[in-house]
Amino acid sequence: MRLALRNKHGLVHLCLTARPSDFPAGCKNDPAALRKTVPAAENLTVHLTGVAPGTYGLSLIHDENSNGKLDKFGPIPKEGFGFSRNPAIGFGPPRFAAARFAVGTGGEIQQVRMRYLL
């Protein structure tokens, strides 16, 4: 996966889940979700290994202050976020169907556009 961040502060939290009911917060409820945290870099490439073939949704947070959560100003995120397939964002996160992608035996590359609203 490749992404560009607005700075190299903090951490990037990734969650890869196959359960539509738990997307995008699947890491909290899905014990089978793949979780990964990596140091932020302005241009970041992340390799997820050991992913079984299937259909998944990926969500990311650029946790600039490393406090383990997406900080908000009211309902508006103050930190960056992104989703697989880069679906349109309205009020709230996208549905699993808009972010789902298939992983085969040869793997999959996702280029995620991080979004910063503030």
PDB file of N, CA and C in Angstrom:
ATOM      1  N   MET A   1       0.840  -1.160   0.000  1.00  0.00           N
ATOM      2  CA  MET A   1       0.000   0.000   0.000  1.00  0.00           C
ATOM      3  C   MET A   1       0.890   1.228   0.000  1.00  0.00           C
ATOM      4  N   ARG A   2       0.469   2.250  -0.721  1.00  0.00           N
ATOM      5  CA  ARG A   2       1.225   3.499  -0.782  1.00  0.00           C
ATOM      6  C   ARG A   2       0.313   4.648  -0.379  1.00  0.00           C
ATOM      7  N   LEU A   3       0.892   5.594   0.364  1.00  0.00           N
ATOM      8  CA  LEU A   3       0.135   6.784   0.730  1.00  0.00           C
ATOM      9  C   LEU A   3       1.063   7.943   1.005  1.00  0.00           C
ATOM     10  N   ALA A   4       0.527   9.140   0.841  1.00  0.00           N
ATOM     11  CA  ALA A   4       1.269  10.374   1.123  1.00  0.00           C
ATOM     12  C   ALA A   4       0.606  11.056   2.313  1.00  0.00           C
ATOM     13  N   LEU A   5       1.422  11.440   3.291  1.00  0.00           N
ATOM     14  CA  LEU A   5       0.919  12.116   4.487  1.00  0.00           C
ATOM     15  C   LEU A   5       1.328  13.577   4.455  1.00  0.00           C
ATOM     16  N   ARG A   6       0.635  14.413   5.203  1.00  0.00           N
ATOM     17  CA  ARG A   6       0.995  15.838   5.195  1.00  0.00           C
ATOM     18  C   ARG A   6       2.236  16.145   6.015  1.00  0.00           C
ATOM     19  N   ASN A   7       2.629  15.230   6.898  1.00  0.00           N
ATOM     20  CA  ASN A   7       3.869  15.386   7.669  1.00  0.00           C
ATOM     21  C   ASN A   7       4.299  14.013   8.182  1.00  0.00           C
ATOM     22  N   LYS A   8       5.429  13.980   8.831  1.00  0.00           N
ATOM     23  CA  LYS A   8       5.932  12.707   9.354  1.00  0.00           C
ATOM     24  C   LYS A   8       5.799  12.605  10.867  1.00  0.00           C
ATOM     25  N   HIS A   9       4.836  13.300  11.430  1.00  0.00           N
ATOM     26  CA  HIS A   9       4.584  13.261  12.872  1.00  0.00           C
ATOM     27  C   HIS A   9       3.697  12.066  13.214  1.00  0.00           C
ATOM     28  N   GLY A  10       3.970  11.440  14.318  1.00  0.00           N
ATOM     29  CA  GLY A  10       3.085  10.441  14.873  1.00  0.00           C
ATOM     30  C   GLY A  10       3.152   9.079  14.230  1.00  0.00           C
ATOM     31  N   LEU A  11       1.986   8.437  14.179  1.00  0.00           N
ATOM     32  CA  LEU A  11       1.852   7.055  13.734  1.00  0.00           C
ATOM     33  C   LEU A  11       0.726   6.936  12.718  1.00  0.00           C
ATOM     34  N   VAL A  12       0.769   5.850  11.960  1.00  0.00           N
ATOM     35  CA  VAL A  12      -0.329   5.509  11.066  1.00  0.00           C
ATOM     36  C   VAL A  12      -0.886   4.177  11.546  1.00  0.00           C
ATOM     37  N   HIS A  13      -2.189   4.154  11.838  1.00  0.00           N
ATOM     38  CA  HIS A  13      -2.875   2.941  12.281  1.00  0.00           C
ATOM     39  C   HIS A  13      -3.676   2.397  11.110  1.00  0.00           C
ATOM     40  N   LEU A  14      -3.496   1.104  10.812  1.00  0.00           N
ATOM     41  CA  LEU A  14      -4.190   0.447   9.725  1.00  0.00           C
ATOM     42  C   LEU A  14      -5.079  -0.655  10.280  1.00  0.00           C
ATOM     43  N   CYS A  15      -6.212  -0.845   9.656  1.00  0.00           N
ATOM     44  CA  CYS A  15      -7.105  -1.938  10.020  1.00  0.00           C
ATOM     45  C   CYS A  15      -7.607  -2.580   8.741  1.00  0.00           C
ATOM     46  N   LEU A  16      -7.382  -3.860   8.590  1.00  0.00           N
ATOM     47  CA  LEU A  16      -7.837  -4.636   7.447  1.00  0.00           C
ATOM     48  C   LEU A  16      -8.825  -5.665   7.967  1.00  0.00           C
ATOM     49  N   THR A  17     -10.081  -5.573   7.533  1.00  0.00           N
ATOM     50  CA  THR A  17     -11.110  -6.480   8.013  1.00  0.00           C
ATOM     51  C   THR A  17     -11.906  -7.052   6.854  1.00  0.00           C
ATOM     52  N   ALA A  18     -12.392  -8.269   7.037  1.00  0.00           N
ATOM     53  CA  ALA A  18     -13.245  -8.926   6.050  1.00  0.00           C
ATOM     54  C   ALA A  18     -14.709  -8.878   6.475  1.00  0.00           C
ATOM     55  N   ARG A  19     -14.997  -8.308   7.633  1.00  0.00           N
ATOM     56  CA  ARG A  19     -16.362  -8.284   8.159  1.00  0.00           C
ATOM     57  C   ARG A  19     -17.030  -6.941   7.874  1.00  0.00           C
ATOM     58  N   PRO A  20     -17.988  -6.914   6.937  1.00  0.00           N
ATOM     59  CA  PRO A  20     -18.669  -5.656   6.608  1.00  0.00           C
ATOM     60  C   PRO A  20     -19.309  -4.978   7.818  1.00  0.00           C
ATOM     61  N   SER A  21     -19.814  -5.758   8.756  1.00  0.00           N
ATOM     62  CA  SER A  21     -20.484  -5.169   9.924  1.00  0.00           C
ATOM     63  C   SER A  21     -19.527  -4.417  10.831  1.00  0.00           C
ATOM     64  N   ASP A  22     -18.238  -4.701  10.732  1.00  0.00           N
ATOM     65  CA  ASP A  22     -17.256  -4.053  11.596  1.00  0.00           C
ATOM     66  C   ASP A  22     -16.454  -2.965  10.904  1.00  0.00           C
ATOM     67  N   PHE A  23     -16.749  -2.688   9.652  1.00  0.00           N
ATOM     68  CA  PHE A  23     -15.990  -1.674   8.921  1.00  0.00           C
ATOM     69  C   PHE A  23     -16.596  -0.301   9.181  1.00  0.00           C
ATOM     70  N   PRO A  24     -15.814   0.751   9.386  1.00  0.00           N
ATOM     71  CA  PRO A  24     -14.365   0.806   9.364  1.00  0.00           C
ATOM     72  C   PRO A  24     -13.714   0.605  10.725  1.00  0.00           C
ATOM     73  N   ALA A  25     -14.498   0.404  11.751  1.00  0.00           N
ATOM     74  CA  ALA A  25     -13.920   0.266  13.095  1.00  0.00           C
ATOM     75  C   ALA A  25     -13.685  -1.199  13.452  1.00  0.00           C
ATOM     76  N   GLY A  26     -13.437  -2.034  12.444  1.00  0.00           N
ATOM     77  CA  GLY A  26     -13.319  -3.475  12.642  1.00  0.00           C
ATOM     78  C   GLY A  26     -12.257  -3.901  13.617  1.00  0.00           C
ATOM     79  N   CYS A  27     -11.243  -3.096  13.790  1.00  0.00           N
ATOM     80  CA  CYS A  27     -10.178  -3.499  14.711  1.00  0.00           C
ATOM     81  C   CYS A  27     -10.664  -3.552  16.139  1.00  0.00           C
ATOM     82  N   LYS A  28     -11.706  -2.843  16.450  1.00  0.00           N
ATOM     83  CA  LYS A  28     -12.217  -2.865  17.817  1.00  0.00           C
ATOM     84  C   LYS A  28     -13.045  -4.117  18.080  1.00  0.00           C
ATOM     85  N   ASN A  29     -13.766  -4.605  17.059  1.00  0.00           N
ATOM     86  CA  ASN A  29     -14.718  -5.689  17.263  1.00  0.00           C
ATOM     87  C   ASN A  29     -14.348  -7.004  16.598  1.00  0.00           C
ATOM     88  N   ASP A  30     -13.428  -6.996  15.664  1.00  0.00           N
ATOM     89  CA  ASP A  30     -13.108  -8.177  14.879  1.00  0.00           C
ATOM     90  C   ASP A  30     -11.767  -8.760  15.329  1.00  0.00           C
ATOM     91  N   PRO A  31     -11.785  -9.865  16.055  1.00  0.00           N
ATOM     92  CA  PRO A  31     -10.520 -10.432  16.513  1.00  0.00           C
ATOM     93  C   PRO A  31      -9.641 -10.938  15.364  1.00  0.00           C
ATOM     94  N   ALA A  32     -10.233 -11.180  14.193  1.00  0.00           N
ATOM     95  CA  ALA A  32      -9.457 -11.658  13.043  1.00  0.00           C
ATOM     96  C   ALA A  32      -8.897 -10.512  12.204  1.00  0.00           C
ATOM     97  N   ALA A  33      -9.237  -9.277  12.530  1.00  0.00           N
ATOM     98  CA  ALA A  33      -8.754  -8.132  11.737  1.00  0.00           C
ATOM     99  C   ALA A  33      -7.246  -8.013  11.847  1.00  0.00           C
ATOM    100  N   LEU A  34      -6.645  -7.599  10.751  1.00  0.00           N
ATOM    101  CA  LEU A  34      -5.201  -7.356  10.744  1.00  0.00           C
ATOM    102  C   LEU A  34      -4.980  -5.913  11.166  1.00  0.00           C
ATOM    103  N   ARG A  35      -4.214  -5.728  12.217  1.00  0.00           N
ATOM    104  CA  ARG A  35      -3.916  -4.397  12.735  1.00  0.00           C
ATOM    105  C   ARG A  35      -2.424  -4.143  12.567  1.00  0.00           C
ATOM    106  N   LYS A  36      -2.097  -2.932  12.198  1.00  0.00           N
ATOM    107  CA  LYS A  36      -0.692  -2.580  12.062  1.00  0.00           C
ATOM    108  C   LYS A  36      -0.544  -1.101  12.382  1.00  0.00           C
ATOM    109  N   THR A  37       0.523  -0.770  13.094  1.00  0.00           N
ATOM    110  CA  THR A  37       0.865   0.612  13.386  1.00  0.00           C
ATOM    111  C   THR A  37       2.296   0.825  12.934  1.00  0.00           C
ATOM    112  N   VAL A  38       2.485   1.894  12.153  1.00  0.00           N
ATOM    113  CA  VAL A  38       3.817   2.190  11.623  1.00  0.00           C
ATOM    114  C   VAL A  38       4.134   3.661  11.858  1.00  0.00           C
ATOM    115  N   PRO A  39       5.412   4.003  11.986  1.00  0.00           N
ATOM    116  CA  PRO A  39       5.785   5.419  12.111  1.00  0.00           C
ATOM    117  C   PRO A  39       5.404   6.173  10.840  1.00  0.00           C
ATOM    118  N   ALA A  40       4.964   7.389  11.011  1.00  0.00           N
ATOM    119  CA  ALA A  40       4.567   8.212   9.872  1.00  0.00           C
ATOM    120  C   ALA A  40       5.789   8.649   9.075  1.00  0.00           C
ATOM    121  N   ALA A  41       5.601   8.773   7.775  1.00  0.00           N
ATOM    122  CA  ALA A  41       6.603   9.312   6.860  1.00  0.00           C
ATOM    123  C   ALA A  41       5.808  10.019   5.767  1.00  0.00           C
ATOM    124  N   GLU A  42       6.339  11.083   5.203  1.00  0.00           N
ATOM    125  CA  GLU A  42       5.558  11.843   4.225  1.00  0.00           C
ATOM    126  C   GLU A  42       5.141  10.997   3.029  1.00  0.00           C
ATOM    127  N   ASN A  43       5.987  10.099   2.576  1.00  0.00           N
ATOM    128  CA  ASN A  43       5.641   9.133   1.534  1.00  0.00           C
ATOM    129  C   ASN A  43       5.878   7.754   2.117  1.00  0.00           C
ATOM    130  N   LEU A  44       4.800   7.021   2.307  1.00  0.00           N
ATOM    131  CA  LEU A  44       4.861   5.784   3.064  1.00  0.00           C
ATOM    132  C   LEU A  44       4.402   4.618   2.209  1.00  0.00           C
ATOM    133  N   THR A  45       5.144   3.532   2.276  1.00  0.00           N
ATOM    134  CA  THR A  45       4.746   2.272   1.656  1.00  0.00           C
ATOM    135  C   THR A  45       4.679   1.239   2.763  1.00  0.00           C
ATOM    136  N   VAL A  46       3.552   0.540   2.850  1.00  0.00           N
ATOM    137  CA  VAL A  46       3.350  -0.464   3.889  1.00  0.00           C
ATOM    138  C   VAL A  46       3.049  -1.794   3.214  1.00  0.00           C
ATOM    139  N   HIS A  47       3.714  -2.837   3.654  1.00  0.00           N
ATOM    140  CA  HIS A  47       3.481  -4.182   3.140  1.00  0.00           C
ATOM    141  C   HIS A  47       2.764  -4.988   4.219  1.00  0.00           C
ATOM    142  N   LEU A  48       1.627  -5.545   3.873  1.00  0.00           N
ATOM    143  CA  LEU A  48       0.891  -6.418   4.782  1.00  0.00           C
ATOM    144  C   LEU A  48       1.101  -7.842   4.290  1.00  0.00           C
ATOM    145  N   THR A  49       1.665  -8.687   5.104  1.00  0.00           N
ATOM    146  CA  THR A  49       1.949 -10.058   4.703  1.00  0.00           C
ATOM    147  C   THR A  49       1.013 -11.025   5.414  1.00  0.00           C
ATOM    148  N   GLY A  50       0.887 -12.208   4.846  1.00  0.00           N
ATOM    149  CA  GLY A  50       0.071 -13.238   5.468  1.00  0.00           C
ATOM    150  C   GLY A  50      -1.419 -13.009   5.320  1.00  0.00           C
ATOM    151  N   VAL A  51      -1.829 -12.209   4.345  1.00  0.00           N
ATOM    152  CA  VAL A  51      -3.254 -11.934   4.140  1.00  0.00           C
ATOM    153  C   VAL A  51      -3.830 -13.036   3.247  1.00  0.00           C
ATOM    154  N   ALA A  52      -4.809 -13.755   3.755  1.00  0.00           N
ATOM    155  CA  ALA A  52      -5.439 -14.834   2.991  1.00  0.00           C
ATOM    156  C   ALA A  52      -6.284 -14.248   1.858  1.00  0.00           C
ATOM    157  N   PRO A  53      -6.411 -14.976   0.750  1.00  0.00           N
ATOM    158  CA  PRO A  53      -7.294 -14.496  -0.318  1.00  0.00           C
ATOM    159  C   PRO A  53      -8.698 -14.254   0.231  1.00  0.00           C
ATOM    160  N   GLY A  54      -9.332 -13.205  -0.238  1.00  0.00           N
ATOM    161  CA  GLY A  54     -10.675 -12.858   0.217  1.00  0.00           C
ATOM    162  C   GLY A  54     -11.005 -11.425  -0.121  1.00  0.00           C
ATOM    163  N   THR A  55     -12.103 -10.945   0.426  1.00  0.00           N
ATOM    164  CA  THR A  55     -12.555  -9.576   0.213  1.00  0.00           C
ATOM    165  C   THR A  55     -12.404  -8.811   1.516  1.00  0.00           C
ATOM    166  N   TYR A  56     -11.777  -7.635   1.424  1.00  0.00           N
ATOM    167  CA  TYR A  56     -11.429  -6.865   2.616  1.00  0.00           C
ATOM    168  C   TYR A  56     -11.772  -5.394   2.438  1.00  0.00           C
ATOM    169  N   GLY A  57     -11.850  -4.703   3.566  1.00  0.00           N
ATOM    170  CA  GLY A  57     -11.912  -3.254   3.611  1.00  0.00           C
ATOM    171  C   GLY A  57     -10.766  -2.773   4.483  1.00  0.00           C
ATOM    172  N   LEU A  58     -10.121  -1.693   4.059  1.00  0.00           N
ATOM    173  CA  LEU A  58      -8.968  -1.154   4.768  1.00  0.00           C
ATOM    174  C   LEU A  58      -9.273   0.264   5.218  1.00  0.00           C
ATOM    175  N   SER A  59      -9.008   0.559   6.476  1.00  0.00           N
ATOM    176  CA  SER A  59      -9.149   1.925   6.983  1.00  0.00           C
ATOM    177  C   SER A  59      -7.837   2.329   7.638  1.00  0.00           C
ATOM    178  N   LEU A  60      -7.506   3.623   7.529  1.00  0.00           N
ATOM    179  CA  LEU A  60      -6.253   4.153   8.059  1.00  0.00           C
ATOM    180  C   LEU A  60      -6.507   5.453   8.789  1.00  0.00           C
ATOM    181  N   ILE A  61      -5.700   5.705   9.803  1.00  0.00           N
ATOM    182  CA  ILE A  61      -5.726   6.972  10.536  1.00  0.00           C
ATOM    183  C   ILE A  61      -4.292   7.461  10.666  1.00  0.00           C
ATOM    184  N   HIS A  62      -4.055   8.733  10.348  1.00  0.00           N
ATOM    185  CA  HIS A  62      -2.755   9.353  10.613  1.00  0.00           C
ATOM    186  C   HIS A  62      -2.871  10.017  11.980  1.00  0.00           C
ATOM    187  N   ASP A  63      -2.434   9.321  12.987  1.00  0.00           N
ATOM    188  CA  ASP A  63      -2.503   9.753  14.383  1.00  0.00           C
ATOM    189  C   ASP A  63      -1.301  10.666  14.656  1.00  0.00           C
ATOM    190  N   GLU A  64      -1.417  11.926  14.293  1.00  0.00           N
ATOM    191  CA  GLU A  64      -0.285  12.852  14.334  1.00  0.00           C
ATOM    192  C   GLU A  64       0.272  13.078  15.736  1.00  0.00           C
ATOM    193  N   ASN A  65      -0.559  12.980  16.760  1.00  0.00           N
ATOM    194  CA  ASN A  65      -0.065  13.209  18.114  1.00  0.00           C
ATOM    195  C   ASN A  65       0.123  11.899  18.902  1.00  0.00           C
ATOM    196  N   SER A  66       0.015  10.772  18.228  1.00  0.00           N
ATOM    197  CA  SER A  66       0.271   9.445  18.813  1.00  0.00           C
ATOM    198  C   SER A  66      -0.552   9.151  20.062  1.00  0.00           C
ATOM    199  N   ASN A  67      -1.810   9.588  20.081  1.00  0.00           N
ATOM    200  CA  ASN A  67      -2.643   9.311  21.253  1.00  0.00           C
ATOM    201  C   ASN A  67      -3.561   8.105  21.050  1.00  0.00           C
ATOM    202  N   GLY A  68      -3.418   7.408  19.912  1.00  0.00           N
ATOM    203  CA  GLY A  68      -4.169   6.177  19.688  1.00  0.00           C
ATOM    204  C   GLY A  68      -5.572   6.336  19.170  1.00  0.00           C
ATOM    205  N   LYS A  69      -5.959   7.545  18.771  1.00  0.00           N
ATOM    206  CA  LYS A  69      -7.323   7.741  18.271  1.00  0.00           C
ATOM    207  C   LYS A  69      -7.342   8.851  17.217  1.00  0.00           C
ATOM    208  N   LEU A  70      -8.449   8.932  16.502  1.00  0.00           N
ATOM    209  CA  LEU A  70      -8.669   9.990  15.522  1.00  0.00           C
ATOM    210  C   LEU A  70      -9.250  11.191  16.254  1.00  0.00           C
ATOM    211  N   ASP A  71      -8.466  12.240  16.392  1.00  0.00           N
ATOM    212  CA  ASP A  71      -8.950  13.441  17.071  1.00  0.00           C
ATOM    213  C   ASP A  71      -9.911  14.194  16.164  1.00  0.00           C
ATOM    214  N   LYS A  72     -10.932  14.802  16.777  1.00  0.00           N
ATOM    215  CA  LYS A  72     -11.964  15.517  16.021  1.00  0.00           C
ATOM    216  C   LYS A  72     -12.228  16.885  16.626  1.00  0.00           C
ATOM    217  N   PHE A  73     -12.719  17.788  15.814  1.00  0.00           N
ATOM    218  CA  PHE A  73     -13.247  19.077  16.245  1.00  0.00           C
ATOM    219  C   PHE A  73     -14.737  18.982  15.995  1.00  0.00           C
ATOM    220  N   GLY A  74     -15.497  18.641  17.047  1.00  0.00           N
ATOM    221  CA  GLY A  74     -16.904  18.292  16.856  1.00  0.00           C
ATOM    222  C   GLY A  74     -16.952  17.004  16.055  1.00  0.00           C
ATOM    223  N   PRO A  75     -17.725  16.970  14.963  1.00  0.00           N
ATOM    224  CA  PRO A  75     -17.779  15.754  14.142  1.00  0.00           C
ATOM    225  C   PRO A  75     -16.694  15.687  13.060  1.00  0.00           C
ATOM    226  N   ILE A  76     -15.863  16.729  12.944  1.00  0.00           N
ATOM    227  CA  ILE A  76     -14.900  16.826  11.849  1.00  0.00           C
ATOM    228  C   ILE A  76     -13.532  16.314  12.302  1.00  0.00           C
ATOM    229  N   PRO A  77     -12.981  15.327  11.585  1.00  0.00           N
ATOM    230  CA  PRO A  77     -11.648  14.827  11.938  1.00  0.00           C
ATOM    231  C   PRO A  77     -10.578  15.907  11.802  1.00  0.00           C
ATOM    232  N   LYS A  78      -9.712  15.999  12.814  1.00  0.00           N
ATOM    233  CA  LYS A  78      -8.578  16.928  12.773  1.00  0.00           C
ATOM    234  C   LYS A  78      -7.325  16.253  12.226  1.00  0.00           C
ATOM    235  N   GLU A  79      -7.340  14.932  12.179  1.00  0.00           N
ATOM    236  CA  GLU A  79      -6.196  14.169  11.693  1.00  0.00           C
ATOM    237  C   GLU A  79      -6.604  13.453  10.405  1.00  0.00           C
ATOM    238  N   GLY A  80      -5.607  12.959   9.705  1.00  0.00           N
ATOM    239  CA  GLY A  80      -5.857  12.324   8.416  1.00  0.00           C
ATOM    240  C   GLY A  80      -6.497  10.956   8.531  1.00  0.00           C
ATOM    241  N   PHE A  81      -7.233  10.598   7.499  1.00  0.00           N
ATOM    242  CA  PHE A  81      -7.860   9.288   7.422  1.00  0.00           C
ATOM    243  C   PHE A  81      -7.930   8.868   5.957  1.00  0.00           C
ATOM    244  N   GLY A  82      -8.085   7.584   5.730  1.00  0.00           N
ATOM    245  CA  GLY A  82      -8.198   7.080   4.377  1.00  0.00           C
ATOM    246  C   GLY A  82      -8.807   5.693   4.365  1.00  0.00           C
ATOM    247  N   PHE A  83      -9.267   5.292   3.176  1.00  0.00           N
ATOM    248  CA  PHE A  83      -9.924   4.000   3.006  1.00  0.00           C
ATOM    249  C   PHE A  83      -9.479   3.375   1.692  1.00  0.00           C
ATOM    250  N   SER A  84      -9.488   2.064   1.654  1.00  0.00           N
ATOM    251  CA  SER A  84      -9.185   1.370   0.411  1.00  0.00           C
ATOM    252  C   SER A  84     -10.160   1.816  -0.676  1.00  0.00           C
ATOM    253  N   ARG A  85      -9.687   1.843  -1.895  1.00  0.00           N
ATOM    254  CA  ARG A  85     -10.428   2.250  -3.093  1.00  0.00           C
ATOM    255  C   ARG A  85     -10.813   3.725  -3.085  1.00  0.00           C
ATOM    256  N   ASN A  86     -10.439   4.485  -2.072  1.00  0.00           N
ATOM    257  CA  ASN A  86     -10.647   5.934  -2.021  1.00  0.00           C
ATOM    258  C   ASN A  86     -12.088   6.348  -2.344  1.00  0.00           C
ATOM    259  N   PRO A  87     -13.070   5.821  -1.623  1.00  0.00           N
ATOM    260  CA  PRO A  87     -14.465   6.169  -1.914  1.00  0.00           C
ATOM    261  C   PRO A  87     -14.760   7.621  -1.556  1.00  0.00           C
ATOM    262  N   ALA A  88     -15.832   8.139  -2.141  1.00  0.00           N
ATOM    263  CA  ALA A  88     -16.289   9.486  -1.813  1.00  0.00           C
ATOM    264  C   ALA A  88     -16.686   9.523  -0.334  1.00  0.00           C
ATOM    265  N   ILE A  89     -16.420  10.644   0.297  1.00  0.00           N
ATOM    266  CA  ILE A  89     -16.732  10.806   1.716  1.00  0.00           C
ATOM    267  C   ILE A  89     -17.854  11.823   1.848  1.00  0.00           C
ATOM    268  N   GLY A  90     -18.902  11.436   2.547  1.00  0.00           N
ATOM    269  CA  GLY A  90     -19.998  12.351   2.843  1.00  0.00           C
ATOM    270  C   GLY A  90     -19.970  12.649   4.330  1.00  0.00           C
ATOM    271  N   PHE A  91     -21.115  12.501   4.955  1.00  0.00           N
ATOM    272  CA  PHE A  91     -21.191  12.641   6.402  1.00  0.00           C
ATOM    273  C   PHE A  91     -20.951  11.270   7.006  1.00  0.00           C
ATOM    274  N   GLY A  92     -19.800  11.072   7.592  1.00  0.00           N
ATOM    275  CA  GLY A  92     -19.450   9.790   8.172  1.00  0.00           C
ATOM    276  C   GLY A  92     -18.628   8.946   7.221  1.00  0.00           C
ATOM    277  N   PRO A  93     -18.153   7.823   7.723  1.00  0.00           N
ATOM    278  CA  PRO A  93     -17.284   6.963   6.919  1.00  0.00           C
ATOM    279  C   PRO A  93     -18.075   6.237   5.827  1.00  0.00           C
ATOM    280  N   PRO A  94     -17.374   5.733   4.819  1.00  0.00           N
ATOM    281  CA  PRO A  94     -18.055   4.993   3.759  1.00  0.00           C
ATOM    282  C   PRO A  94     -18.495   3.618   4.239  1.00  0.00           C
ATOM    283  N   ARG A  95     -19.372   3.009   3.489  1.00  0.00           N
ATOM    284  CA  ARG A  95     -19.783   1.631   3.768  1.00  0.00           C
ATOM    285  C   ARG A  95     -18.717   0.674   3.245  1.00  0.00           C
ATOM    286  N   PHE A  96     -18.733  -0.519   3.764  1.00  0.00           N
ATOM    287  CA  PHE A  96     -17.789  -1.558   3.359  1.00  0.00           C
ATOM    288  C   PHE A  96     -17.826  -1.769   1.846  1.00  0.00           C
ATOM    289  N   ALA A  97     -19.021  -1.779   1.255  1.00  0.00           N
ATOM    290  CA  ALA A  97     -19.159  -2.026  -0.184  1.00  0.00           C
ATOM    291  C   ALA A  97     -18.382  -1.013  -1.015  1.00  0.00           C
ATOM    292  N   ALA A  98     -18.253   0.210  -0.537  1.00  0.00           N
ATOM    293  CA  ALA A  98     -17.535   1.246  -1.280  1.00  0.00           C
ATOM    294  C   ALA A  98     -16.023   1.105  -1.158  1.00  0.00           C
ATOM    295  N   ALA A  99     -15.549   0.416  -0.139  1.00  0.00           N
ATOM    296  CA  ALA A  99     -14.112   0.304   0.108  1.00  0.00           C
ATOM    297  C   ALA A  99     -13.572  -1.109  -0.109  1.00  0.00           C
ATOM    298  N   ARG A 100     -14.438  -2.056  -0.357  1.00  0.00           N
ATOM    299  CA  ARG A 100     -13.983  -3.447  -0.447  1.00  0.00           C
ATOM    300  C   ARG A 100     -13.132  -3.690  -1.691  1.00  0.00           C
ATOM    301  N   PHE A 101     -12.208  -4.606  -1.527  1.00  0.00           N
ATOM    302  CA  PHE A 101     -11.349  -5.017  -2.631  1.00  0.00           C
ATOM    303  C   PHE A 101     -10.975  -6.476  -2.428  1.00  0.00           C
ATOM    304  N   ALA A 102     -10.655  -7.136  -3.515  1.00  0.00           N
ATOM    305  CA  ALA A 102     -10.317  -8.554  -3.463  1.00  0.00           C
ATOM    306  C   ALA A 102      -8.806  -8.740  -3.388  1.00  0.00           C
ATOM    307  N   VAL A 103      -8.403  -9.690  -2.583  1.00  0.00           N
ATOM    308  CA  VAL A 103      -7.008 -10.096  -2.501  1.00  0.00           C
ATOM    309  C   VAL A 103      -6.939 -11.525  -3.024  1.00  0.00           C
ATOM    310  N   GLY A 104      -6.114 -11.731  -4.027  1.00  0.00           N
ATOM    311  CA  GLY A 104      -5.914 -13.071  -4.571  1.00  0.00           C
ATOM    312  C   GLY A 104      -4.625 -13.669  -4.058  1.00  0.00           C
ATOM    313  N   THR A 105      -4.202 -14.737  -4.674  1.00  0.00           N
ATOM    314  CA  THR A 105      -2.980 -15.405  -4.249  1.00  0.00           C
ATOM    315  C   THR A 105      -1.743 -14.582  -4.581  1.00  0.00           C
ATOM    316  N   GLY A 106      -1.851 -13.668  -5.536  1.00  0.00           N
ATOM    317  CA  GLY A 106      -0.716 -12.827  -5.910  1.00  0.00           C
ATOM    318  C   GLY A 106      -0.644 -11.526  -5.145  1.00  0.00           C
ATOM    319  N   GLY A 107      -1.555 -11.297  -4.234  1.00  0.00           N
ATOM    320  CA  GLY A 107      -1.558 -10.056  -3.470  1.00  0.00           C
ATOM    321  C   GLY A 107      -2.335  -8.957  -4.169  1.00  0.00           C
ATOM    322  N   GLU A 108      -2.265  -7.761  -3.624  1.00  0.00           N
ATOM    323  CA  GLU A 108      -3.014  -6.611  -4.121  1.00  0.00           C
ATOM    324  C   GLU A 108      -2.282  -5.358  -3.704  1.00  0.00           C
ATOM    325  N   ILE A 109      -2.280  -4.356  -4.551  1.00  0.00           N
ATOM    326  CA  ILE A 109      -1.697  -3.056  -4.215  1.00  0.00           C
ATOM    327  C   ILE A 109      -2.822  -2.040  -4.114  1.00  0.00           C
ATOM    328  N   GLN A 110      -2.859  -1.326  -3.014  1.00  0.00           N
ATOM    329  CA  GLN A 110      -3.820  -0.245  -2.819  1.00  0.00           C
ATOM    330  C   GLN A 110      -3.055   1.056  -2.659  1.00  0.00           C
ATOM    331  N   GLN A 111      -3.464   2.068  -3.391  1.00  0.00           N
ATOM    332  CA  GLN A 111      -2.895   3.399  -3.211  1.00  0.00           C
ATOM    333  C   GLN A 111      -3.983   4.230  -2.543  1.00  0.00           C
ATOM    334  N   VAL A 112      -3.790   4.510  -1.272  1.00  0.00           N
ATOM    335  CA  VAL A 112      -4.813   5.181  -0.469  1.00  0.00           C
ATOM    336  C   VAL A 112      -4.524   6.668  -0.404  1.00  0.00           C
ATOM    337  N   ARG A 113      -5.530   7.472  -0.696  1.00  0.00           N
ATOM    338  CA  ARG A 113      -5.403   8.921  -0.582  1.00  0.00           C
ATOM    339  C   ARG A 113      -5.811   9.331   0.830  1.00  0.00           C
ATOM    340  N   MET A 114      -4.861   9.868   1.568  1.00  0.00           N
ATOM    341  CA  MET A 114      -5.177  10.356   2.906  1.00  0.00           C
ATOM    342  C   MET A 114      -5.907  11.676   2.775  1.00  0.00           C
ATOM    343  N   ARG A 115      -6.898  11.860   3.615  1.00  0.00           N
ATOM    344  CA  ARG A 115      -7.711  13.078   3.592  1.00  0.00           C
ATOM    345  C   ARG A 115      -7.521  13.827   4.898  1.00  0.00           C
ATOM    346  N   TYR A 116      -7.344  15.106   4.759  1.00  0.00           N
ATOM    347  CA  TYR A 116      -7.183  16.010   5.908  1.00  0.00           C
ATOM    348  C   TYR A 116      -8.227  17.105   5.743  1.00  0.00           C
ATOM    349  N   LEU A 117      -9.167  17.199   6.679  1.00  0.00           N
ATOM    350  CA  LEU A 117     -10.245  18.179   6.576  1.00  0.00           C
ATOM    351  C   LEU A 117      -9.916  19.476   7.310  1.00  0.00           C
ATOM    352  N   LEU A 118      -9.056  19.430   8.303  1.00  0.00           N
ATOM    353  CA  LEU A 118      -8.658  20.628   9.056  1.00  0.00           C
ATOM    354  C   LEU A 118      -7.156  20.771   9.032  1.00  0.00           C
TER     355      LEU A 118
END
